[in-house]
Amino acid sequence: MNKEAVIDTAAAARHARFGKLPERIRLEDTTQGVDTGLEAKVGSRYNPEGQWQYYSCLALDLGL
């Protein structure tokens, strides 16, 4: 009988702590808009001729 009281106390403690869901967060509160300058737009353009500079291959790094 004492074991049931312990289980009920533990269940009551869990329900008190986790018994309800947290409040909803609006999408507007989770996103942030940042204006970028012209310099950032120019530097982040795709350059197919310069992509070889960023290519990484383990076989090439090892000289195989």
Protein backbone atom coordinates (compact mmCIF):
# COMPACT_ATOMS: atom_id res chain seq x y z
CA MET A 1 0.00 0.00 0.00
CA ASN A 2 2.89 2.35 0.74
CA LYS A 3 4.30 1.72 -2.74
CA GLU A 4 1.09 3.03 -4.36
CA ALA A 5 1.39 6.28 -2.40
CA VAL A 6 4.95 6.75 -3.67
CA ILE A 7 3.87 6.09 -7.26
CA ASP A 8 0.96 8.52 -6.93
CA THR A 9 3.27 11.17 -5.45
CA ALA A 10 5.75 10.70 -8.30
CA ALA A 11 2.94 10.82 -10.88
CA ALA A 12 1.57 13.98 -9.30
CA ALA A 13 5.03 15.58 -9.39
CA ARG A 14 5.45 14.66 -13.08
CA HIS A 15 2.03 16.01 -13.91
CA ALA A 16 2.76 19.25 -12.07
CA ARG A 17 5.98 19.68 -14.02
CA PHE A 18 5.03 18.33 -17.46
CA GLY A 19 1.23 18.33 -17.35
CA LYS A 20 0.69 21.17 -19.82
CA LEU A 21 2.28 22.23 -23.08
CA PRO A 22 4.29 25.44 -23.27
CA GLU A 23 2.73 28.51 -24.85
CA ARG A 24 2.79 28.68 -28.64
CA ILE A 25 5.46 30.84 -30.23
CA ARG A 26 4.34 32.93 -33.18
CA LEU A 27 6.30 32.63 -36.44
CA GLU A 28 6.99 36.37 -36.36
CA ASP A 29 8.80 35.90 -33.04
CA THR A 30 11.08 33.18 -34.43
CA THR A 31 12.36 34.88 -37.58
CA GLN A 32 14.52 37.93 -38.06
CA GLY A 33 14.96 39.96 -41.20
CA VAL A 34 18.33 41.55 -41.87
CA ASP A 35 19.11 43.91 -44.72
CA THR A 36 22.35 43.11 -46.48
CA GLY A 37 24.44 45.67 -48.24
CA LEU A 38 25.42 45.65 -51.90
CA GLU A 39 28.87 44.31 -51.01
CA ALA A 40 27.41 41.12 -49.55
CA LYS A 41 25.28 40.52 -52.63
CA VAL A 42 28.20 40.95 -55.02
CA GLY A 43 30.52 38.65 -53.04
CA SER A 44 27.97 35.86 -52.68
CA ARG A 45 27.17 35.43 -56.37
CA TYR A 46 27.80 32.05 -57.97
CA ASN A 47 31.01 32.03 -59.98
CA PRO A 48 31.40 28.79 -61.96
CA GLU A 49 34.95 29.63 -63.06
CA GLY A 50 36.10 30.15 -59.49
CA GLN A 51 34.41 27.11 -57.97
CA TRP A 52 37.53 24.95 -58.38
CA GLN A 53 39.10 26.95 -55.55
CA TYR A 54 36.59 25.52 -53.09
CA TYR A 55 36.64 21.94 -54.39
CA SER A 56 37.95 19.49 -51.84
CA CYS A 57 38.72 15.84 -52.49
CA LEU A 58 40.61 13.53 -50.15
CA ALA A 59 42.34 11.72 -53.04
CA LEU A 60 43.61 15.02 -54.43
CA ASP A 61 44.69 16.20 -50.98
CA LEU A 62 46.72 13.03 -50.51
CA GLY A 63 48.26 13.34 -53.98
CA LEU A 64 46.76 10.12 -55.29
